[in-house]
Every structure is written in structure tokens, then in C-alpha cells.
Protein backbone atom coordinates (compact mmCIF):
# COMPACT_ATOMS: atom_id res chain seq x y z
CA ALA A 1 102.17 78.47 113.35
CA VAL A 2 102.47 82.02 112.84
CA ARG A 3 99.55 84.23 111.44
CA ALA A 4 101.46 86.05 108.77
CA LEU A 5 101.64 90.07 109.57
CA GLY A 6 100.54 92.21 106.92
CA GLY A 7 97.01 91.60 106.14
CA GLY A 8 94.14 93.69 106.97
CA THR A 9 91.69 96.61 105.18
CA PRO A 10 93.23 99.75 104.16
CA GLY A 11 91.49 102.85 106.19
CA GLY A 12 92.38 106.38 106.68
CA VAL A 13 91.72 109.91 105.21
CA PRO A 14 91.26 110.40 101.36
CA GLY A 15 94.51 110.38 99.32
CA TRP A 16 95.76 112.67 96.76
CA GLY A 17 93.54 114.11 93.97
CA GLY A 18 92.14 117.13 92.31
CA THR A 19 89.25 118.44 90.04
CA PRO A 20 89.83 118.28 86.27
CA GLU A 21 89.06 121.63 84.94
CA ARG A 22 86.45 121.51 82.53
CA GLY A 23 86.97 122.68 79.18
CA ARG A 24 84.99 123.58 76.43
CA ILE A 25 84.58 121.71 73.33
CA PRO A 26 86.88 122.28 70.47
CA GLY A 27 85.24 124.29 68.11
CA GLY A 28 82.70 124.57 69.72
CA GLY A 29 80.34 127.67 71.91
CA PRO A 30 78.85 130.86 70.80
CA GLY A 31 81.17 133.40 69.31
CA ARG A 32 82.83 131.15 66.60
CA PRO A 33 82.97 132.46 63.72
CA LEU A 34 80.51 130.90 60.53
CA ARG A 35 82.78 129.91 58.05
CA THR A 36 81.40 128.81 54.90
CA ALA A 37 84.60 127.58 53.25
CA ALA A 38 86.92 124.12 53.75
CA PRO A 39 89.49 125.32 57.02
CA LEU A 40 92.60 126.35 56.32
CA SER A 41 95.32 123.48 57.42
CA SER A 42 96.74 126.35 60.22
CA ASP A 43 93.50 125.60 62.05
CA PHE A 44 93.50 122.40 62.49
CA PHE A 45 97.17 123.01 64.12
CA ARG A 46 95.77 126.05 66.15
CA GLU A 47 92.62 123.49 67.61
CA LEU A 48 94.86 120.84 68.01
CA GLY A 49 97.40 122.71 70.00
CA GLN A 50 94.56 124.24 72.23
CA THR A 51 93.12 120.30 73.30
CA VAL A 52 96.84 118.93 74.06
CA GLU A 53 97.73 122.28 76.72
CA ARG A 54 93.91 121.25 77.59
CA MET A 55 94.96 118.04 78.75
CA ALA A 56 98.34 118.95 79.75
CA GLN A 57 96.07 121.29 82.31
CA THR A 58 93.66 118.43 83.44
CA LEU A 59 97.06 116.36 84.36
CA ARG A 60 98.58 119.65 85.84
CA ASP A 61 95.11 119.98 87.81
CA GLN A 62 95.31 116.08 89.22
CA LEU A 63 98.56 116.27 91.20
CA PRO A 64 98.59 117.14 94.64
CA ALA A 65 99.55 121.02 95.39
CA THR A 66 103.18 122.39 96.50
CA GLY A 67 101.72 125.48 97.92
CA SER A 68 100.74 128.98 96.36
CA GLY A 69 103.05 128.83 93.91
CA GLY A 70 102.26 126.55 91.39
CA ARG A 71 101.82 123.04 91.33
CA GLY A 72 103.58 119.57 90.72
CA TRP A 73 104.14 116.39 92.33
CA ILE A 74 106.15 115.37 96.00
CA PRO A 75 107.15 112.70 97.62
CA PRO A 76 105.31 111.20 99.88
CA GLY A 77 106.39 112.51 103.48
CA THR A 78 107.93 115.62 101.94
CA HIS A 79 106.89 118.80 103.19
CA PRO A 80 106.34 120.98 99.73
CA ASP A 81 107.75 123.90 101.45
CA PRO A 82 111.60 123.26 102.31
CA ARG A 83 111.58 125.65 105.20
CA PRO A 84 110.34 124.47 108.45
CA PRO A 85 107.34 126.32 109.53
CA ASP A 86 107.48 129.39 111.73
CA GLU A 87 105.80 127.24 114.65
CA ALA A 88 104.49 123.99 115.55
CA ASP A 89 102.74 122.06 118.37
CA VAL A 90 105.35 119.37 118.75
CA VAL A 91 108.43 119.05 116.99
CA VAL A 92 109.72 115.52 116.87
CA VAL A 93 113.66 115.38 116.12
CA GLY A 94 114.63 112.32 114.14
CA GLY A 95 112.55 111.28 111.16
CA GLY A 96 113.38 107.17 112.19
CA VAL A 97 110.32 104.74 112.22
CA VAL A 98 110.42 105.82 115.99
CA GLY A 99 110.07 109.19 114.95
CA TRP A 100 107.11 108.47 112.86
CA SER A 101 105.60 106.62 115.16
CA VAL A 102 105.09 108.81 117.50
CA ALA A 103 104.06 111.35 114.87
CA TYR A 104 101.50 108.66 113.45
CA TRP A 105 99.92 108.00 116.96
CA LEU A 106 99.82 111.59 118.20
CA LYS A 107 97.52 112.08 115.25
CA VAL A 108 95.34 109.25 115.78
CA LEU A 109 94.76 109.90 119.24
CA GLU A 110 93.89 113.43 118.47
CA GLY A 111 91.41 112.49 117.05
CA GLN A 112 88.32 114.87 115.81
CA ARG A 113 88.76 116.84 119.70
CA ARG A 114 90.33 119.71 118.29
CA ARG A 115 88.91 122.20 115.65
CA HIS A 116 91.84 122.67 113.81
CA GLY A 117 93.98 119.87 114.15
CA MET A 118 97.80 119.60 115.80
CA ARG A 119 100.36 120.75 114.20
CA VAL A 120 103.12 118.10 114.19
CA LEU A 121 106.60 118.64 112.30
CA VAL A 122 109.19 115.96 111.72
CA VAL A 123 113.10 116.83 111.03
CA GLU A 124 115.37 114.51 109.68
CA ARG A 125 118.87 115.35 108.81
CA ASP A 126 119.14 112.36 106.83
CA PRO A 127 116.29 112.56 104.19
CA MET A 128 117.41 109.78 102.00
CA TYR A 129 118.19 107.54 105.32
CA SER A 130 121.59 106.73 104.31
CA ARG A 131 122.70 106.55 108.03
CA ALA A 132 119.63 105.45 109.22
CA SER A 133 119.54 102.70 112.59
CA THR A 134 115.99 101.65 110.99
CA VAL A 135 116.81 100.53 107.15
CA LEU A 136 120.29 99.72 108.21
CA SER A 137 119.08 96.74 110.64
CA ALA A 138 118.70 92.93 110.12
CA GLY A 139 114.54 93.56 110.83
CA GLY A 140 113.79 91.08 113.14
CA ILE A 141 110.56 91.07 115.59
CA ARG A 142 110.54 88.45 118.57
CA GLN A 143 108.71 87.73 122.06
CA GLN A 144 112.10 86.32 123.55
CA PHE A 145 113.39 89.23 126.18
CA SER A 146 114.05 88.98 129.65
CA LEU A 147 112.59 92.22 130.85
CA ARG A 148 108.62 92.35 130.84
CA GLU A 149 108.16 96.16 129.51
CA ASN A 150 109.70 94.59 126.85
CA ILE A 151 108.12 91.12 126.38
CA GLN A 152 104.78 93.40 126.29
CA MET A 153 106.23 96.52 123.76
CA SER A 154 106.83 92.93 121.58
CA ARG A 155 103.45 91.71 121.87
CA PHE A 156 101.80 94.81 120.78
CA SER A 157 103.84 95.43 118.10
CA ALA A 158 103.28 92.10 116.72
CA SER A 159 99.60 92.71 116.74
CA PHE A 160 99.98 96.08 115.28
CA LEU A 161 101.80 95.06 112.61
CA ARG A 162 99.53 92.03 111.90
CA ASP A 163 96.73 94.79 111.11
CA ILE A 164 99.12 96.40 109.41
CA ASN A 165 96.48 97.82 107.01
CA GLU A 166 93.86 98.58 109.32
CA HIS A 167 96.01 101.15 110.95
CA LEU A 168 98.41 102.43 107.86
CA GLY A 169 96.48 101.69 104.92
CA VAL A 170 95.95 104.78 102.92
CA PRO A 171 93.02 104.91 100.58
CA ASN A 172 94.04 104.78 96.95
CA GLU A 173 97.14 103.14 97.54
CA PRO A 174 98.68 99.74 97.56
CA PRO A 175 98.79 97.69 100.45
CA ILE A 176 101.34 97.03 102.61
CA ASP A 177 102.90 94.00 102.29
CA ILE A 178 106.08 94.10 104.90
CA GLN A 179 106.86 90.87 103.79
CA PHE A 180 106.94 88.88 107.05
CA GLN A 181 108.75 85.77 107.18
CA PRO A 182 107.41 83.94 110.21
CA SER A 183 110.16 81.54 111.39
CA GLY A 184 110.90 82.50 115.06
CA TYR A 185 113.52 83.15 116.84
CA LEU A 186 115.94 79.87 118.28
CA PHE A 187 118.37 80.95 121.23
CA LEU A 188 120.61 78.58 122.26
CA ALA A 189 122.18 78.24 125.59
CA SER A 190 125.34 76.47 126.93
CA PRO A 191 125.02 74.36 130.39
CA GLN A 192 126.19 77.61 132.48
CA GLY A 193 123.29 79.49 131.18
CA ALA A 194 120.26 76.86 131.02
CA ALA A 195 118.62 78.21 134.04
CA THR A 196 118.72 81.33 133.54
CA LEU A 197 117.18 81.12 129.75
CA GLU A 198 114.51 78.83 131.50
CA ALA A 199 113.76 81.11 133.98
CA THR A 200 113.55 83.61 130.88
CA VAL A 201 111.11 81.04 129.23
CA GLN A 202 108.77 81.35 131.69
CA LEU A 203 108.29 84.74 132.42
CA GLN A 204 107.66 85.28 128.66
CA ARG A 205 105.00 82.63 128.66
CA ASP A 206 103.60 84.34 132.01
CA GLU A 207 103.18 87.70 129.47
CA GLY A 208 101.23 85.42 126.85
CA ALA A 209 104.33 84.63 124.36
CA GLN A 210 104.20 81.35 122.58
CA VAL A 211 107.97 79.95 122.97
CA THR A 212 108.66 76.19 123.76
CA LEU A 213 112.03 75.04 125.14
CA LEU A 214 113.95 72.06 122.98
CA SER A 215 116.53 69.74 124.36
CA PRO A 216 119.56 69.10 122.55
CA THR A 217 117.77 65.80 121.52
CA GLN A 218 114.78 67.54 120.63
CA LEU A 219 117.05 70.44 118.82
CA LYS A 220 118.67 67.95 116.42
CA ALA A 221 115.52 66.06 115.20
CA LYS A 222 113.79 69.58 114.46
CA PHE A 223 116.81 71.43 112.78
CA PRO A 224 119.23 68.82 111.68
CA TRP A 225 121.67 70.80 110.34
CA ILE A 226 122.74 72.58 113.88
CA ASN A 227 125.91 71.00 115.82
CA THR A 228 124.19 70.41 119.34
CA GLU A 229 127.93 70.65 120.82
CA ASP A 230 127.76 72.77 123.88
CA VAL A 231 124.42 73.51 123.45
CA ALA A 232 122.38 72.54 127.05
CA VAL A 233 118.70 74.01 125.97
CA ALA A 234 117.25 75.92 123.38
CA SER A 235 114.05 78.30 123.25
CA TYR A 236 112.33 78.52 119.80
CA GLY A 237 109.36 81.29 119.38
CA LEU A 238 106.73 79.74 117.99
CA GLU A 239 104.25 82.53 116.70
CA ASP A 240 105.11 86.43 116.45
CA GLU A 241 108.58 85.81 115.64
CA GLY A 242 110.34 86.37 112.46
CA TRP A 243 111.65 89.26 110.09
CA PHE A 244 110.17 91.97 107.57
CA ASP A 245 111.26 94.63 105.60
CA PRO A 246 112.33 97.95 107.46
CA TRP A 247 111.95 99.81 105.01
CA THR A 248 108.30 99.46 103.64
CA LEU A 249 107.39 99.70 107.94
CA LEU A 250 109.23 103.28 107.95
CA ASN A 251 107.52 104.52 104.73
CA ALA A 252 104.19 103.15 105.75
CA PHE A 253 104.23 105.30 108.94
CA ARG A 254 105.45 107.99 106.84
CA ARG A 255 103.14 107.92 104.25
CA LYS A 256 100.06 107.21 106.72
CA ALA A 257 101.44 110.09 109.12
CA THR A 258 101.67 112.57 106.03
CA SER A 259 98.40 112.08 105.09
CA LEU A 260 97.04 112.83 108.34
CA GLY A 261 98.89 116.25 108.29
CA VAL A 262 102.21 115.79 109.85
CA GLN A 263 104.63 118.00 108.28
CA SER A 264 108.35 117.28 107.86
CA CYS A 265 111.49 118.69 106.81
CA SER A 266 115.22 118.19 105.81
CA GLY A 267 117.70 119.95 108.55
CA GLU A 268 119.67 119.34 111.89
CA VAL A 269 118.21 120.54 114.98
CA ARG A 270 121.62 121.75 116.94
CA ALA A 271 120.18 124.66 119.41
CA PHE A 272 117.30 125.57 121.41
CA VAL A 273 115.76 128.30 123.00
CA THR A 274 114.72 128.10 126.98
CA SER A 275 112.98 129.57 129.52
CA ALA A 276 116.24 129.76 131.37
CA ASN A 277 117.54 132.35 128.78
CA TYR A 278 115.23 134.80 130.27
CA MET A 279 115.66 134.13 133.95
CA MET A 280 117.68 136.51 136.15
CA PRO A 281 119.54 134.15 138.82
CA PRO A 282 119.02 132.71 140.76
CA ALA A 283 118.41 129.38 138.25
CA SER A 284 115.24 128.00 138.13
CA PRO A 285 115.28 123.89 138.83
CA SER A 286 113.98 123.53 135.53
CA ALA A 287 112.76 125.02 132.19
CA ARG A 288 111.22 124.46 129.19
CA ILE A 289 111.89 124.40 125.16
CA LYS A 290 110.92 127.93 123.53
CA TYR A 291 112.55 127.11 120.14
CA VAL A 292 114.28 124.50 118.19
CA HIS A 293 116.88 125.98 115.93
CA ILE A 294 116.62 123.96 112.86
CA TYR A 295 119.71 124.60 110.41
CA MET A 296 119.18 123.66 106.52
CA PRO A 297 121.28 121.10 104.44
CA ASP A 298 124.37 122.30 103.63
CA SER A 299 124.02 126.16 104.87
CA LEU A 300 124.62 128.46 107.67
CA GLU A 301 121.16 128.97 107.87
CA TYR A 302 118.52 128.23 110.41
CA GLN A 303 114.89 128.37 111.04
CA PRO A 304 113.75 129.02 114.74
CA VAL A 305 110.23 127.14 115.05
CA ALA A 306 108.19 128.16 118.03
CA CYS A 307 107.05 125.25 119.83
CA ALA A 308 104.80 123.45 122.92
CA ILE A 309 106.36 119.89 123.37
CA VAL A 310 109.85 118.74 121.74
CA VAL A 311 110.34 114.51 121.33
CA ASN A 312 113.63 113.54 121.30
CA ALA A 313 113.29 110.54 118.81
CA ALA A 314 117.20 111.16 117.30
CA GLY A 315 118.33 107.60 117.57
CA ALA A 316 122.23 107.13 118.15
CA TRP A 317 122.47 110.53 118.06
CA ALA A 318 119.88 111.34 121.17
CA GLY A 319 122.54 111.78 123.57
CA LYS A 320 124.07 114.36 121.81
CA LEU A 321 121.46 116.54 121.16
CA LEU A 322 121.19 116.90 125.02
CA GLU A 323 123.68 118.75 124.70
CA ALA A 324 123.52 120.97 122.05
CA ASP A 325 123.78 125.14 122.20
CA GLY A 326 121.06 126.66 124.16
CA LEU A 327 120.33 123.82 126.95
CA PRO A 328 120.96 124.98 130.55
CA ARG A 329 123.83 122.34 131.36
CA GLY A 330 122.62 122.43 134.72
CA LEU A 331 119.37 120.89 133.81
CA CYS A 332 120.91 118.32 131.29
CA ARG A 333 121.89 116.01 134.35
CA PRO A 334 122.43 113.14 134.54
CA PRO A 335 123.66 112.91 130.99
CA LEU A 336 121.59 110.94 128.62
CA PRO A 337 123.78 107.77 128.14
CA ILE A 338 122.91 106.95 124.77
CA GLN A 339 125.95 106.79 121.84
CA PRO A 340 125.84 105.22 118.35
CA ARG A 341 127.61 102.11 118.29
CA LYS A 342 128.44 100.67 114.76
CA ARG A 343 127.32 97.37 114.37
CA TYR A 344 128.52 95.04 111.19
CA VAL A 345 125.90 92.77 108.94
CA PHE A 346 127.04 90.40 106.67
CA SER A 347 125.66 88.15 103.68
CA TRP A 348 126.81 84.83 102.23
CA HIS A 349 125.47 82.30 99.94
CA CYS A 350 125.62 78.32 101.23
CA PRO A 351 123.41 75.88 98.71
CA ASN A 352 123.67 73.52 101.02
CA GLY A 353 122.53 75.51 104.03
CA PRO A 354 119.57 75.46 106.21
CA GLY A 355 116.54 75.72 104.18
CA LEU A 356 113.16 77.33 103.98
CA SER A 357 112.65 75.97 107.89
CA CYS A 358 115.82 78.39 109.20
CA PRO A 359 115.00 80.45 112.36
CA PHE A 360 116.68 83.61 113.50
CA LEU A 361 119.58 81.55 115.13
CA VAL A 362 121.47 83.22 117.92
CA ASP A 363 124.43 81.03 119.23
CA THR A 364 126.18 80.61 122.29
CA SER A 365 128.99 82.70 121.52
CA GLY A 366 126.68 85.85 119.82
CA ALA A 367 127.17 85.18 116.73
CA TYR A 368 123.48 85.16 114.62
CA PHE A 369 122.32 84.38 111.66
CA ARG A 370 118.85 84.54 109.54
CA ARG A 371 117.61 83.21 105.99
CA ASP A 372 118.18 85.48 103.34
CA GLY A 373 115.25 85.15 100.72
CA PHE A 374 114.85 81.43 99.22
CA ALA A 375 118.43 80.63 97.30
CA GLY A 376 120.31 79.60 100.42
CA ASN A 377 121.27 83.17 100.58
CA TYR A 378 121.80 84.55 104.58
CA LEU A 379 122.77 87.52 106.47
CA GLY A 380 123.68 87.71 109.89
CA GLY A 381 126.73 89.39 112.12
CA MET A 382 127.95 89.77 116.12
CA SER A 383 128.26 92.50 118.55
CA PRO A 384 131.63 92.71 120.30
CA PRO A 385 131.93 92.62 124.21
CA GLU A 386 132.42 95.66 126.73
CA VAL A 387 133.57 96.26 129.63
CA SER A 388 130.81 96.27 132.63
CA PRO A 389 130.89 98.98 134.87
CA ARG A 390 129.92 96.57 137.52
CA GLY A 391 131.96 93.98 136.57
CA PRO A 392 134.55 92.33 134.40
CA LEU A 393 134.58 91.81 130.38
CA ARG A 394 131.35 90.33 129.63
CA SER A 395 129.15 89.87 126.49
CA CYS A 396 126.95 92.34 125.11
CA THR A 397 124.87 89.10 123.83
CA PRO A 398 122.15 87.71 126.23
CA LEU A 399 123.75 86.73 129.35
CA PHE A 400 122.92 83.32 129.80
CA PHE A 401 125.05 82.93 126.67
CA ILE A 402 128.49 82.17 128.35
CA ARG A 403 131.29 82.43 125.17
CA LEU A 404 134.23 79.96 125.11
CA PRO A 405 137.64 80.94 126.05
CA GLU A 406 138.73 81.01 122.95
CA PHE A 407 136.57 83.70 121.22
CA ILE A 408 136.77 86.32 123.90
CA LEU A 409 137.36 89.43 122.62
CA SER A 410 138.84 92.64 123.79
CA GLN A 411 137.41 95.71 124.31
CA GLU A 412 139.34 97.40 122.04
CA GLU A 413 137.85 95.83 119.12
CA GLU A 414 134.00 97.93 119.40
CA PRO A 415 134.09 99.83 115.87
CA ASP A 416 134.92 103.16 115.06
CA ALA A 417 131.63 104.91 114.87
CA SER A 418 133.01 107.66 112.99
CA ASP A 419 131.92 106.26 109.78
CA LEU A 420 129.67 103.37 108.11
CA SER A 421 132.98 101.55 106.85
CA VAL A 422 132.39 97.40 107.60
CA ASP A 423 135.73 95.57 108.44
CA HIS A 424 135.58 92.35 106.27
CA ASP A 425 138.65 90.74 108.71
CA TYR A 426 135.92 90.69 111.53
CA PHE A 427 133.63 88.42 109.74
CA GLN A 428 137.04 86.07 108.67
CA GLU A 429 138.11 85.88 112.11
CA GLN A 430 135.42 86.05 114.48
CA VAL A 431 132.01 85.42 112.91
CA TRP A 432 132.66 82.92 110.21
CA PRO A 433 134.64 80.23 113.02
CA ARG A 434 131.24 80.79 114.95
CA LEU A 435 129.37 79.85 112.27
CA ALA A 436 130.82 76.94 111.13
CA ARG A 437 131.55 75.37 114.39
CA ARG A 438 127.15 75.82 115.17
CA VAL A 439 126.40 74.86 111.40
CA PRO A 440 128.98 72.82 109.36
CA ALA A 441 127.33 74.01 106.05
CA PHE A 442 128.51 76.89 106.52
CA GLU A 443 132.45 76.15 105.84
CA SER A 444 131.74 76.55 103.11
CA LEU A 445 129.91 79.50 102.65
CA ARG A 446 130.32 82.50 99.96
CA VAL A 447 130.68 86.14 101.21
CA ARG A 448 128.00 88.41 99.02
CA GLY A 449 128.37 91.49 101.01
CA SER A 450 127.89 93.38 103.65
CA TRP A 451 127.37 97.04 105.54
CA ALA A 452 127.28 98.63 108.79
CA GLY A 453 124.41 100.42 110.78
CA TYR A 454 123.98 101.93 114.25
CA TYR A 455 122.52 101.01 117.55
CA ASP A 456 121.38 103.69 119.69
CA TYR A 457 123.29 102.07 122.51
CA ASN A 458 121.92 102.89 125.84
CA THR A 459 125.38 102.42 127.71
CA PHE A 460 123.37 102.47 131.28
CA ASP A 461 121.49 99.40 130.37
CA GLN A 462 120.38 98.97 126.71
CA ASN A 463 117.20 99.53 127.10
CA GLY A 464 115.20 102.19 126.03
CA VAL A 465 114.50 105.67 127.83
CA LEU A 466 110.97 106.74 127.34
CA GLY A 467 108.87 109.39 128.76
CA PRO A 468 109.38 112.89 130.28
CA HIS A 469 112.90 115.06 130.93
CA PRO A 470 112.99 115.37 134.64
CA ARG A 471 113.95 118.79 134.66
CA LEU A 472 113.05 120.25 130.62
CA GLU A 473 109.73 120.14 131.18
CA ASN A 474 108.55 119.52 127.47
CA LEU A 475 110.73 117.61 126.44
CA PHE A 476 109.93 113.63 125.92
CA LEU A 477 112.29 111.18 125.09
CA ALA A 478 111.96 107.99 123.02
CA ALA A 479 115.39 106.74 121.86
CA GLY A 480 118.34 104.13 123.57
CA PHE A 481 116.59 100.99 122.26
CA SER A 482 120.12 99.13 121.33
CA GLY A 483 119.31 97.17 118.57
CA HIS A 484 115.68 96.74 119.02
CA GLY A 485 113.81 100.14 118.50
CA LEU A 486 112.53 99.04 115.07
CA GLN A 487 110.30 96.30 116.49
CA HIS A 488 109.17 98.18 119.46
CA SER A 489 108.46 100.95 117.73
CA PRO A 490 105.03 100.72 117.05
CA ALA A 491 104.31 100.39 120.95
CA ALA A 492 106.98 102.75 121.66
CA GLY A 493 105.34 105.59 119.71
CA ARG A 494 101.97 104.75 120.92
CA ALA A 495 103.65 105.43 125.04
CA VAL A 496 104.99 108.50 124.42
CA ALA A 497 101.73 110.08 122.11
CA GLU A 498 99.73 109.05 125.15
CA LEU A 499 101.83 110.82 127.60
CA VAL A 500 101.57 113.77 125.71
CA MET A 501 98.17 113.76 124.91
CA LYS A 502 96.83 112.23 127.92
CA GLY A 503 99.56 112.66 130.73
CA ARG A 504 99.78 109.09 131.53
CA TYR A 505 100.48 105.43 129.63
CA GLU A 506 97.30 103.52 129.13
CA THR A 507 98.12 100.80 126.74
CA LEU A 508 101.17 100.03 128.26
CA ASP A 509 102.73 100.62 132.00
CA LEU A 510 106.75 101.57 131.04
CA ARG A 511 106.88 104.03 133.67
CA ARG A 512 110.42 101.89 134.55
CA LEU A 513 111.81 102.79 131.42
CA GLY A 514 111.84 106.42 132.22
CA TRP A 515 114.27 108.88 133.49
CA ASP A 516 114.38 107.79 136.98
CA ARG A 517 116.29 104.64 137.30
CA LEU A 518 118.86 107.12 135.56
CA VAL A 519 118.91 109.42 138.00
CA ALA A 520 118.66 106.34 140.66
CA GLY A 521 121.15 104.80 138.96
CA GLU A 522 119.37 101.66 139.01
CA PRO A 523 119.74 99.78 136.05
CA LEU A 524 116.95 97.71 134.51
CA GLU A 525 118.71 94.23 133.07
CA GLU A 526 117.48 93.02 129.85
CA ARG A 527 119.22 89.45 129.62
CA GLY A 528 118.23 89.50 125.61
CA VAL A 529 120.11 92.08 123.66
CA ILE A 530 121.89 90.50 120.68
């Protein structure tokens, strides 16, 4: 059985607080005129007003300061000054879960070695997270990947989330509950993909993951509601797999990092100033970023921030960030192959659907679903296929899943990523038939809602790009996870922080996920992209 994530003992630095102002006893103290007659009614109301004012001042003193210009409450993770600082040691571009994880690990690894502390600034252009990939995801975590590095990151993240309160707990704050549902992932493979799935499971076991293989007979016995037609074998995660609340994890990283001294601001990085701007020809083969220009929301005004390190954790817009003004075009080659890809998530109700044992199921056709609560509610979707640069039309879903010919889509069905509108016909025409074929009870489902979010899609090999840029000496990357950035965020943040602080990987060896493979044109194949 899976151990529930979210236990532990809070730890960290002292929370918000203040020292109440000690007031005088009403009507007491030296210098008060002696009264020999009954007090006037006006004296009573005057003293009452003074008492109320002292109480109000006490409350104001107990709220955190917003700076030198007065007092007031500020939301956790929000810098009291709306403008960015003039300088920072590290600027993290992107305030999603990966960016805040990097910021948190930087402060943890810093420890007490620096007297005045590292100045870390997180810049997020969407402070309400209305378009953020993190909070619009399905919230899954799994060990079932085909690339060794992805399995290792999943195992690190599962351990981190299991003891989340020891890592991200803040004193005087409620314990963190990420609402983990330990129901596992269930991958179904067709006869054509059975051998590949079996080899992948062996790799997962070699890395310590608890995954079992199920024959069609065993699959039907464990999950009677599944139609096992065309299923040759299934893999089922027994530990550290399921789903959790993405917003809770993001907010936990943000609150803890803020309590450790990380600053944040709302704005968009649109330009850079590099050392190449001061060089005379011939051009240098490398450069350093000197300033980032942060544009204020809904304004043409920008703030230049001097910095020593920049971390590109801009998610779906990480590739666009490296096309910003001020970056030498010749030094940004090859381009970072990360694009926003829109993905739909649909929710539905089916009173006779799978029960509490329902796992996160990924079908042979590429459709997926999971339980959503306890009242017959579910959510799911499906990624469209793409044309591979190395071959014919193939699925974006795991390569050991062979789509049936009648379900093959065309490349033109890749959704328009310019907005987050939902194509409801996509569910009716593409997703629902696959779900109903696999789970006959879903023939009578009723759609409840839908939303869309972005994958930070790495068109090169659908794996994250981690580590230093080959020509921009002080730029580090943490993006391109293609749908599994949420679950890998604790591990990815730790890895990048180690490179920044120590110049090498220590916890996990993730060198193969660096830029070298892009330069060499050698993709790392991950068969488990959903």
C-alpha cells in the first residue's frame, strides 16, 4: 500500500509577528488632575475612545510590516514593494511550482554560510495564476517512466512530498495537506506494445519503483469494470503513485521560500543587458547577463535589475524568453525547442462508474482518466498526436500504446494555443468513444465541466532541459517537462540549486538532461509522455 503523503513535523523560521505597544492604564499614572466631583460624561467617552485607539494600534503592530511607509497585511509570497529591487543575486523568471522550488532550494542550500544571505527574486507575470500550467494540471505523480532520470526524479519527489511538512512547514501555520490520493497509475498496453512495456517495468524495478505487471485475467479480476479487449498486459504502480492538489504544493513552496527571505514581484521579463553589449567586434563566443528588464503589469515602465545568476523557469514560454531583446542571437543557438501546447481536461459524473479503487488509468488509445473525489466524479482527457521529425504520424502518448486506425487524428487537430478556450466537440468525438470502449459504464456519463492548460512542450524529445546554457554563462534552465513538471518540481528545483550553489549535481545525476543533447541532435526517448 502507498504511504499517504503530507505527514511530518513543521519546521522553519519564525512566522509573522510583532510586539504590542505597551499602553498606560486608562485614567492612571502621574500627572492626572485630582477630581473631587463625579466625572463628566464627556470624560468617559474620551477615555473609551483612547482605549479603542490603543487596541487598534496593538492590532496594527501585530501585523507584518509592508516597509517603512506604514503597516498592513500582505499575502504570503508577495513582496511588500510592488517594484522589483535594483539588484538581486539570483533572478528566477517564472513563479510556477518549478520556479518556486528552485528559489526554495537555493535558500536551503545556502544555509548559514553567507552572513547577509543570498538575495533571490522570483518574477511572475500572472500573479493570479489564471493561465499557469501548475494549477491547471491533473495533479498526477508516478514512477512509471521509461527514462532512468525521470524515474529517479519521481522517486525523489515522492519522498519529498511524503515528508512535506518537514521541508515546507512554516511555524504558526496549519500543517500542509496536499490531499494525496494513493490510487496508483494503471497503464494498458496492446499486443504490439507489450514487450516494450515489460522492458520498461523492469527498468522501473531496477530503480526501486514498486510496479507490478497484470495479465488480462488478473486485470479483470482486480478491476471488473474494465473491458480488457485488445489489452495484452498492464502495469500498475503499488507505491508513491496517485494524484494530489497542485495549488497546495505551489503555495507551500511559495510560503516557505518567502519565509526564508525570497522576494517576489509581478512583472514580465522582456529584455536583457549582457556583456556582449559592451564588446567590440570580433564577438566573444560567450556572454554574461548583467541586467534583466522587468516590465510592470499593464505598463510600459520597466525596472532594470542587476543580477549574478538568471534561472529560466518560464515554463511554456521558456523558449520565447530566450528570444527577448538584448540577447545575442548568435549565442542563442540552437534555439530552445519549448513551446506552449494546449491540453484539455474534462470532468464528468457517472454514478455507476469505477469506485474508490479507481487508479489513474492510461488507455491503449492514449485517453486517460482518474477519480475526482468520492461521488462518482471523474476527470480526464487525451493529447493529440504529432508528426515525428524522425518518422510518420505517431502518438504523443506512450509509445507502447498503439492507437487503433479508426482513432487516428490528424496533425491539424493540435489545439490553437493562443488562448485557453475549450473545444467541447473534442470530448464528444475523440475522448468519450475511447473512454466508453474501455469502461462501458461511461457510456452514460454526464459532462460537468472542462478547462484548458499549457504543457511546456519540448518538441525535441518531450523531456525537461536542466542546467547551464552553453554560451550564456550565468543562465540556467529548468523547463520543457512536457506535462510532468509538477511531479518533478522538487527534484528539478534541487538539481538546479545544486548547480548554482555547488557547480555540480550531488543528489541526482541529471547531466543527460542538459543542453548537450540539443547541440548534438541526440534526443532522449521517453515512452511515458501522456
